[in-house]
Amino acid sequence: TWPKEKLLVQGSTFDNETLDKLDGLYEGSLKIKRAVVLGGGTWIKNQQETEEYCKRNGIDYEVIGGMPYGAFVEKMSHHSKLVFHPAGFDTAPRITIEAKLLGLNLDLNENVQHKDESWFIGDREGAMLHLRDRASNFWKSIKIT
């Protein structure tokens, strides 16, 4: 086993190029009043149940997925909301972080474990600063012996 002082939970790491892309899409996108539901994922992403939730609650939605990353986040950036209800624990699903950085409202269930962390519940700018600092923070904390 590793000594406790050698263990560090990094959290989600996005490179600066990706964060810059998300920032640009946030600044330049026109929003339609429609939610995004993630499509084409594994069972844990819970697409069918999430769609049923939207129907029961009168939420206009579009299923997106199965496209290159750039096209995916651009399409998501034009929506006003993300509905994401994974079927099991999903510790830090990337789509929820991307949606927050794109300025979407979030409808998440209890299985999105980072939804209550201080960096995530604050404003979009605070989340962006937190994520921009992750990689450098990690390497500053490493002491190779």
N, C-alpha and C. Protein backbone atom coordinates (compact mmCIF):
# COMPACT_ATOMS: atom_id res chain seq x y z
N THR A 1 0.84 -1.19 0.00
CA THR A 1 0.00 0.00 0.00
C THR A 1 0.88 1.25 0.00
N TRP A 2 0.30 2.32 -0.52
CA TRP A 2 1.02 3.59 -0.59
C TRP A 2 0.88 4.34 0.73
N PRO A 3 1.91 5.01 1.17
CA PRO A 3 1.78 5.85 2.37
C PRO A 3 0.78 6.98 2.11
N LYS A 4 0.02 7.33 3.13
CA LYS A 4 -1.03 8.32 3.00
C LYS A 4 -0.53 9.65 2.42
N GLU A 5 0.67 10.06 2.79
CA GLU A 5 1.19 11.34 2.29
C GLU A 5 1.51 11.31 0.80
N LYS A 6 1.52 10.13 0.19
CA LYS A 6 1.78 10.01 -1.25
C LYS A 6 0.48 10.01 -2.06
N LEU A 7 -0.66 9.94 -1.38
CA LEU A 7 -1.94 9.88 -2.08
C LEU A 7 -2.54 11.27 -2.20
N LEU A 8 -3.09 11.56 -3.37
CA LEU A 8 -3.72 12.85 -3.61
C LEU A 8 -4.87 12.63 -4.58
N VAL A 9 -6.05 13.08 -4.20
CA VAL A 9 -7.18 13.02 -5.11
C VAL A 9 -7.09 14.26 -6.00
N GLN A 10 -6.85 14.04 -7.25
CA GLN A 10 -6.66 15.14 -8.19
C GLN A 10 -7.98 15.80 -8.56
N GLY A 11 -9.02 15.04 -8.69
CA GLY A 11 -10.26 15.61 -9.20
C GLY A 11 -10.19 15.67 -10.72
N SER A 12 -11.14 16.32 -11.32
CA SER A 12 -11.20 16.40 -12.77
C SER A 12 -10.14 17.35 -13.29
N THR A 13 -9.48 16.92 -14.34
CA THR A 13 -8.45 17.74 -14.95
C THR A 13 -8.80 17.98 -16.41
N PHE A 14 -8.85 19.22 -16.78
CA PHE A 14 -9.08 19.63 -18.16
C PHE A 14 -7.86 20.42 -18.60
N ASP A 15 -7.40 20.21 -19.82
CA ASP A 15 -6.26 21.01 -20.28
C ASP A 15 -6.73 22.42 -20.64
N ASN A 16 -5.78 23.34 -20.74
CA ASN A 16 -6.13 24.73 -21.00
C ASN A 16 -6.83 24.92 -22.34
N GLU A 17 -6.45 24.12 -23.32
CA GLU A 17 -7.08 24.22 -24.64
C GLU A 17 -8.58 23.91 -24.54
N THR A 18 -8.93 22.87 -23.80
CA THR A 18 -10.33 22.52 -23.63
C THR A 18 -11.07 23.60 -22.85
N LEU A 19 -10.45 24.09 -21.77
CA LEU A 19 -11.10 25.15 -20.98
C LEU A 19 -11.28 26.42 -21.80
N ASP A 20 -10.30 26.74 -22.65
CA ASP A 20 -10.44 27.91 -23.53
C ASP A 20 -11.59 27.72 -24.51
N LYS A 21 -11.72 26.51 -25.06
CA LYS A 21 -12.82 26.22 -25.99
C LYS A 21 -14.17 26.39 -25.29
N LEU A 22 -14.30 25.82 -24.09
CA LEU A 22 -15.55 25.94 -23.34
C LEU A 22 -15.84 27.39 -23.00
N ASP A 23 -14.82 28.14 -22.64
CA ASP A 23 -14.99 29.56 -22.32
C ASP A 23 -15.49 30.33 -23.54
N GLY A 24 -14.89 30.06 -24.70
CA GLY A 24 -15.31 30.72 -25.94
C GLY A 24 -16.74 30.38 -26.31
N LEU A 25 -17.12 29.12 -26.15
CA LEU A 25 -18.50 28.72 -26.45
C LEU A 25 -19.48 29.37 -25.48
N TYR A 26 -19.09 29.52 -24.23
CA TYR A 26 -19.94 30.19 -23.23
C TYR A 26 -20.19 31.63 -23.64
N GLU A 27 -19.13 32.30 -24.05
CA GLU A 27 -19.21 33.72 -24.40
C GLU A 27 -20.02 33.94 -25.68
N GLY A 28 -19.94 33.00 -26.63
CA GLY A 28 -20.51 33.26 -27.94
C GLY A 28 -21.74 32.48 -28.32
N SER A 29 -22.35 31.74 -27.40
CA SER A 29 -23.47 30.90 -27.82
C SER A 29 -24.82 31.53 -27.50
N LEU A 30 -25.74 31.33 -28.42
CA LEU A 30 -27.13 31.72 -28.20
C LEU A 30 -27.85 30.50 -27.66
N LYS A 31 -28.59 30.66 -26.60
CA LYS A 31 -29.26 29.54 -25.93
C LYS A 31 -30.70 29.38 -26.42
N ILE A 32 -31.08 28.12 -26.64
CA ILE A 32 -32.48 27.80 -26.89
C ILE A 32 -33.03 27.22 -25.59
N LYS A 33 -34.31 27.37 -25.38
CA LYS A 33 -34.90 26.86 -24.13
C LYS A 33 -35.21 25.37 -24.31
N ARG A 34 -34.15 24.58 -24.23
CA ARG A 34 -34.27 23.13 -24.37
C ARG A 34 -33.16 22.49 -23.56
N ALA A 35 -33.48 21.34 -22.99
CA ALA A 35 -32.50 20.61 -22.19
C ALA A 35 -31.73 19.62 -23.06
N VAL A 36 -30.58 19.25 -22.58
CA VAL A 36 -29.74 18.21 -23.18
C VAL A 36 -29.86 16.96 -22.32
N VAL A 37 -30.00 15.81 -22.97
CA VAL A 37 -29.89 14.51 -22.34
C VAL A 37 -28.79 13.77 -23.07
N LEU A 38 -27.86 13.19 -22.34
CA LEU A 38 -26.75 12.47 -22.95
C LEU A 38 -27.24 11.16 -23.56
N GLY A 39 -26.92 10.96 -24.82
CA GLY A 39 -27.33 9.74 -25.51
C GLY A 39 -26.14 8.86 -25.84
N GLY A 40 -26.42 7.60 -26.04
CA GLY A 40 -25.41 6.67 -26.53
C GLY A 40 -24.39 6.21 -25.52
N GLY A 41 -24.57 6.50 -24.29
CA GLY A 41 -23.60 6.10 -23.28
C GLY A 41 -23.87 4.69 -22.77
N THR A 42 -23.15 4.32 -21.75
CA THR A 42 -23.34 3.02 -21.12
C THR A 42 -24.56 3.06 -20.20
N TRP A 43 -24.90 1.94 -19.64
CA TRP A 43 -26.08 1.84 -18.76
C TRP A 43 -26.03 2.83 -17.62
N ILE A 44 -24.84 3.13 -17.13
CA ILE A 44 -24.74 4.01 -15.96
C ILE A 44 -25.19 5.44 -16.29
N LYS A 45 -25.13 5.82 -17.55
CA LYS A 45 -25.55 7.18 -17.94
C LYS A 45 -27.07 7.31 -17.93
N ASN A 46 -27.79 6.19 -17.99
CA ASN A 46 -29.23 6.15 -17.70
C ASN A 46 -30.09 6.98 -18.65
N GLN A 47 -29.80 6.91 -19.93
CA GLN A 47 -30.51 7.72 -20.92
C GLN A 47 -32.02 7.51 -20.90
N GLN A 48 -32.48 6.28 -20.94
CA GLN A 48 -33.91 6.01 -21.03
C GLN A 48 -34.67 6.56 -19.83
N GLU A 49 -34.16 6.31 -18.63
CA GLU A 49 -34.84 6.82 -17.42
C GLU A 49 -34.81 8.34 -17.37
N THR A 50 -33.72 8.93 -17.84
CA THR A 50 -33.62 10.39 -17.84
C THR A 50 -34.63 10.99 -18.82
N GLU A 51 -34.80 10.35 -19.97
CA GLU A 51 -35.81 10.81 -20.93
C GLU A 51 -37.21 10.70 -20.33
N GLU A 52 -37.49 9.60 -19.62
CA GLU A 52 -38.79 9.44 -18.97
C GLU A 52 -39.03 10.54 -17.94
N TYR A 53 -37.99 10.88 -17.18
CA TYR A 53 -38.07 11.97 -16.20
C TYR A 53 -38.46 13.27 -16.91
N CYS A 54 -37.81 13.56 -18.03
CA CYS A 54 -38.11 14.79 -18.78
C CYS A 54 -39.57 14.80 -19.24
N LYS A 55 -40.03 13.68 -19.76
CA LYS A 55 -41.43 13.59 -20.23
C LYS A 55 -42.40 13.80 -19.08
N ARG A 56 -42.15 13.15 -17.95
CA ARG A 56 -43.04 13.29 -16.78
C ARG A 56 -43.09 14.72 -16.26
N ASN A 57 -41.99 15.44 -16.43
CA ASN A 57 -41.89 16.78 -15.86
C ASN A 57 -42.04 17.90 -16.90
N GLY A 58 -42.47 17.54 -18.10
CA GLY A 58 -42.72 18.53 -19.14
C GLY A 58 -41.49 19.30 -19.58
N ILE A 59 -40.34 18.65 -19.55
CA ILE A 59 -39.09 19.30 -19.95
C ILE A 59 -38.83 19.00 -21.42
N ASP A 60 -38.76 20.05 -22.24
CA ASP A 60 -38.40 19.91 -23.64
C ASP A 60 -36.91 19.55 -23.69
N TYR A 61 -36.57 18.48 -24.39
CA TYR A 61 -35.18 18.02 -24.39
C TYR A 61 -34.76 17.50 -25.75
N GLU A 62 -33.47 17.41 -25.91
CA GLU A 62 -32.86 16.80 -27.09
C GLU A 62 -31.77 15.85 -26.62
N VAL A 63 -31.74 14.67 -27.18
CA VAL A 63 -30.69 13.70 -26.88
C VAL A 63 -29.53 13.99 -27.81
N ILE A 64 -28.34 14.16 -27.22
CA ILE A 64 -27.16 14.36 -28.06
C ILE A 64 -26.07 13.39 -27.63
N GLY A 65 -25.24 13.02 -28.56
CA GLY A 65 -24.14 12.09 -28.30
C GLY A 65 -23.67 11.48 -29.61
N GLY A 66 -22.63 10.68 -29.53
CA GLY A 66 -22.13 9.98 -30.70
C GLY A 66 -21.54 10.88 -31.77
N MET A 67 -20.90 11.96 -31.35
CA MET A 67 -20.29 12.88 -32.31
C MET A 67 -18.92 13.30 -31.78
N PRO A 68 -18.07 13.85 -32.62
CA PRO A 68 -16.76 14.31 -32.14
C PRO A 68 -16.92 15.33 -31.00
N TYR A 69 -15.92 15.37 -30.13
CA TYR A 69 -15.99 16.20 -28.93
C TYR A 69 -16.32 17.66 -29.23
N GLY A 70 -15.63 18.27 -30.18
CA GLY A 70 -15.86 19.68 -30.49
C GLY A 70 -17.29 19.96 -30.90
N ALA A 71 -17.84 19.10 -31.74
CA ALA A 71 -19.22 19.24 -32.19
C ALA A 71 -20.19 19.03 -31.02
N PHE A 72 -19.86 18.08 -30.15
CA PHE A 72 -20.71 17.79 -29.00
C PHE A 72 -20.83 18.99 -28.07
N VAL A 73 -19.70 19.55 -27.65
CA VAL A 73 -19.78 20.68 -26.71
C VAL A 73 -20.35 21.93 -27.38
N GLU A 74 -20.12 22.08 -28.68
CA GLU A 74 -20.73 23.22 -29.37
C GLU A 74 -22.25 23.07 -29.40
N LYS A 75 -22.74 21.90 -29.72
CA LYS A 75 -24.19 21.66 -29.74
C LYS A 75 -24.77 21.85 -28.34
N MET A 76 -24.09 21.33 -27.33
CA MET A 76 -24.58 21.48 -25.96
C MET A 76 -24.62 22.95 -25.56
N SER A 77 -23.68 23.74 -26.03
CA SER A 77 -23.59 25.15 -25.64
C SER A 77 -24.81 25.97 -26.05
N HIS A 78 -25.59 25.49 -26.99
CA HIS A 78 -26.76 26.22 -27.46
C HIS A 78 -28.02 25.88 -26.66
N HIS A 79 -27.90 25.00 -25.69
CA HIS A 79 -29.03 24.60 -24.86
C HIS A 79 -28.99 25.35 -23.53
N SER A 80 -30.12 25.35 -22.84
CA SER A 80 -30.20 26.10 -21.59
C SER A 80 -30.06 25.22 -20.35
N LYS A 81 -30.12 23.89 -20.54
CA LYS A 81 -30.16 23.02 -19.36
C LYS A 81 -29.56 21.66 -19.71
N LEU A 82 -29.01 21.00 -18.69
CA LEU A 82 -28.58 19.61 -18.77
C LEU A 82 -29.39 18.82 -17.76
N VAL A 83 -29.99 17.72 -18.21
CA VAL A 83 -30.64 16.78 -17.29
C VAL A 83 -29.78 15.52 -17.32
N PHE A 84 -29.21 15.19 -16.18
CA PHE A 84 -28.30 14.04 -16.10
C PHE A 84 -28.58 13.30 -14.80
N HIS A 85 -29.09 12.09 -14.92
CA HIS A 85 -29.48 11.27 -13.78
C HIS A 85 -28.86 9.88 -13.92
N PRO A 86 -27.56 9.76 -13.67
CA PRO A 86 -26.92 8.45 -13.82
C PRO A 86 -27.55 7.40 -12.90
N ALA A 87 -27.45 6.13 -13.33
CA ALA A 87 -28.08 5.02 -12.60
C ALA A 87 -27.27 4.58 -11.39
N GLY A 88 -26.01 4.93 -11.32
CA GLY A 88 -25.15 4.58 -10.20
C GLY A 88 -24.18 5.71 -9.95
N PHE A 89 -23.34 5.55 -8.94
CA PHE A 89 -22.39 6.61 -8.60
C PHE A 89 -21.50 6.95 -9.79
N ASP A 90 -21.49 8.20 -10.13
CA ASP A 90 -20.66 8.73 -11.20
C ASP A 90 -19.91 9.89 -10.55
N THR A 91 -18.68 9.65 -10.15
CA THR A 91 -17.99 10.55 -9.23
C THR A 91 -17.80 11.97 -9.76
N ALA A 92 -17.41 12.12 -10.98
CA ALA A 92 -17.22 13.46 -11.56
C ALA A 92 -17.48 13.38 -13.06
N PRO A 93 -18.73 13.19 -13.45
CA PRO A 93 -19.01 13.05 -14.87
C PRO A 93 -18.65 14.31 -15.63
N ARG A 94 -17.85 14.14 -16.64
CA ARG A 94 -17.32 15.26 -17.42
C ARG A 94 -18.44 16.13 -17.99
N ILE A 95 -19.53 15.51 -18.43
CA ILE A 95 -20.60 16.29 -19.05
C ILE A 95 -21.19 17.33 -18.09
N THR A 96 -21.25 17.03 -16.82
CA THR A 96 -21.82 17.99 -15.87
C THR A 96 -20.89 19.18 -15.69
N ILE A 97 -19.60 18.91 -15.71
CA ILE A 97 -18.62 19.99 -15.59
C ILE A 97 -18.64 20.85 -16.84
N GLU A 98 -18.68 20.21 -18.00
CA GLU A 98 -18.74 20.96 -19.25
C GLU A 98 -20.01 21.81 -19.30
N ALA A 99 -21.14 21.24 -18.89
CA ALA A 99 -22.40 21.98 -18.91
C ALA A 99 -22.33 23.20 -17.99
N LYS A 100 -21.75 23.05 -16.82
CA LYS A 100 -21.61 24.18 -15.89
C LYS A 100 -20.75 25.27 -16.53
N LEU A 101 -19.64 24.87 -17.13
CA LEU A 101 -18.75 25.85 -17.75
C LEU A 101 -19.37 26.51 -18.98
N LEU A 102 -20.34 25.85 -19.59
CA LEU A 102 -21.05 26.42 -20.73
C LEU A 102 -22.24 27.29 -20.30
N GLY A 103 -22.51 27.33 -18.99
CA GLY A 103 -23.57 28.17 -18.46
C GLY A 103 -24.95 27.55 -18.46
N LEU A 104 -25.04 26.23 -18.59
CA LEU A 104 -26.34 25.56 -18.57
C LEU A 104 -26.83 25.40 -17.14
N ASN A 105 -28.14 25.41 -16.95
CA ASN A 105 -28.73 25.04 -15.67
C ASN A 105 -28.59 23.53 -15.54
N LEU A 106 -28.45 23.05 -14.33
CA LEU A 106 -28.19 21.64 -14.11
C LEU A 106 -29.31 20.98 -13.32
N ASP A 107 -29.81 19.86 -13.83
CA ASP A 107 -30.80 19.04 -13.16
C ASP A 107 -30.11 17.68 -12.96
N LEU A 108 -29.56 17.47 -11.76
CA LEU A 108 -28.73 16.31 -11.48
C LEU A 108 -29.35 15.49 -10.36
N ASN A 109 -29.06 14.20 -10.33
CA ASN A 109 -29.54 13.38 -9.21
C ASN A 109 -28.41 13.15 -8.20
N GLU A 110 -28.71 12.40 -7.16
CA GLU A 110 -27.76 12.18 -6.07
C GLU A 110 -26.55 11.35 -6.48
N ASN A 111 -26.58 10.72 -7.64
CA ASN A 111 -25.45 9.90 -8.07
C ASN A 111 -24.32 10.70 -8.71
N VAL A 112 -24.55 11.99 -8.93
CA VAL A 112 -23.47 12.86 -9.40
C VAL A 112 -22.76 13.35 -8.15
N GLN A 113 -21.69 12.68 -7.80
CA GLN A 113 -21.11 12.89 -6.48
C GLN A 113 -20.44 14.23 -6.27
N HIS A 114 -19.92 14.87 -7.30
CA HIS A 114 -19.24 16.15 -7.08
C HIS A 114 -20.21 17.34 -7.06
N LYS A 115 -21.50 17.10 -7.24
CA LYS A 115 -22.45 18.21 -7.35
C LYS A 115 -22.53 19.07 -6.09
N ASP A 116 -22.10 18.55 -4.95
CA ASP A 116 -22.16 19.31 -3.70
C ASP A 116 -20.80 19.82 -3.24
N GLU A 117 -19.77 19.64 -4.05
CA GLU A 117 -18.44 20.13 -3.67
C GLU A 117 -18.37 21.64 -3.86
N SER A 118 -17.62 22.31 -2.99
CA SER A 118 -17.61 23.77 -2.97
C SER A 118 -17.20 24.39 -4.30
N TRP A 119 -16.25 23.80 -5.00
CA TRP A 119 -15.81 24.37 -6.27
C TRP A 119 -16.91 24.29 -7.33
N PHE A 120 -17.81 23.31 -7.19
CA PHE A 120 -18.85 23.09 -8.19
C PHE A 120 -20.13 23.87 -7.88
N ILE A 121 -20.47 24.04 -6.61
CA ILE A 121 -21.73 24.71 -6.29
C ILE A 121 -21.62 26.23 -6.39
N GLY A 122 -20.42 26.73 -6.45
CA GLY A 122 -20.23 28.17 -6.62
C GLY A 122 -20.55 28.60 -8.05
N ASP A 123 -20.12 29.78 -8.40
CA ASP A 123 -20.42 30.28 -9.74
C ASP A 123 -19.51 29.65 -10.80
N ARG A 124 -19.86 29.88 -12.03
CA ARG A 124 -19.14 29.33 -13.17
C ARG A 124 -17.68 29.77 -13.19
N GLU A 125 -17.44 31.02 -12.89
CA GLU A 125 -16.07 31.56 -12.93
C GLU A 125 -15.19 30.88 -11.87
N GLY A 126 -15.75 30.64 -10.69
CA GLY A 126 -15.01 29.95 -9.65
C GLY A 126 -14.66 28.53 -10.04
N ALA A 127 -15.59 27.84 -10.69
CA ALA A 127 -15.33 26.49 -11.18
C ALA A 127 -14.24 26.51 -12.24
N MET A 128 -14.29 27.50 -13.12
CA MET A 128 -13.27 27.62 -14.17
C MET A 128 -11.89 27.84 -13.54
N LEU A 129 -11.79 28.72 -12.57
CA LEU A 129 -10.51 28.97 -11.89
C LEU A 129 -10.01 27.71 -11.20
N HIS A 130 -10.90 27.00 -10.52
CA HIS A 130 -10.53 25.76 -9.85
C HIS A 130 -9.95 24.76 -10.85
N LEU A 131 -10.62 24.58 -11.97
CA LEU A 131 -10.16 23.60 -12.96
C LEU A 131 -8.87 24.03 -13.64
N ARG A 132 -8.69 25.32 -13.86
CA ARG A 132 -7.45 25.80 -14.48
C ARG A 132 -6.24 25.56 -13.57
N ASP A 133 -6.50 25.45 -12.27
CA ASP A 133 -5.40 25.28 -11.31
C ASP A 133 -5.10 23.82 -10.98
N ARG A 134 -5.93 22.88 -11.42
CA ARG A 134 -5.78 21.48 -11.00
C ARG A 134 -4.44 20.87 -11.37
N ALA A 135 -4.04 20.97 -12.63
CA ALA A 135 -2.81 20.30 -13.06
C ALA A 135 -1.59 20.89 -12.36
N SER A 136 -1.49 22.22 -12.30
CA SER A 136 -0.31 22.81 -11.65
C SER A 136 -0.32 22.51 -10.16
N ASN A 137 -1.48 22.51 -9.54
CA ASN A 137 -1.60 22.19 -8.12
C ASN A 137 -1.10 20.76 -7.85
N PHE A 138 -1.47 19.85 -8.72
CA PHE A 138 -1.04 18.46 -8.58
C PHE A 138 0.49 18.36 -8.61
N TRP A 139 1.10 18.95 -9.62
CA TRP A 139 2.55 18.83 -9.78
C TRP A 139 3.30 19.57 -8.68
N LYS A 140 2.76 20.65 -8.13
CA LYS A 140 3.39 21.35 -7.02
C LYS A 140 3.41 20.48 -5.76
N SER A 141 2.40 19.62 -5.62
CA SER A 141 2.28 18.81 -4.41
C SER A 141 3.12 17.54 -4.45
N ILE A 142 3.63 17.18 -5.59
CA ILE A 142 4.41 15.94 -5.74
C ILE A 142 5.85 16.16 -5.27
N LYS A 143 6.29 15.32 -4.39
CA LYS A 143 7.68 15.33 -3.93
C LYS A 143 8.24 13.94 -4.21
N ILE A 144 9.08 13.87 -5.20
CA ILE A 144 9.64 12.57 -5.57
C ILE A 144 10.83 12.28 -4.66
N THR A 145 10.78 11.12 -4.01
CA THR A 145 11.89 10.75 -3.11
C THR A 145 12.48 9.42 -3.52
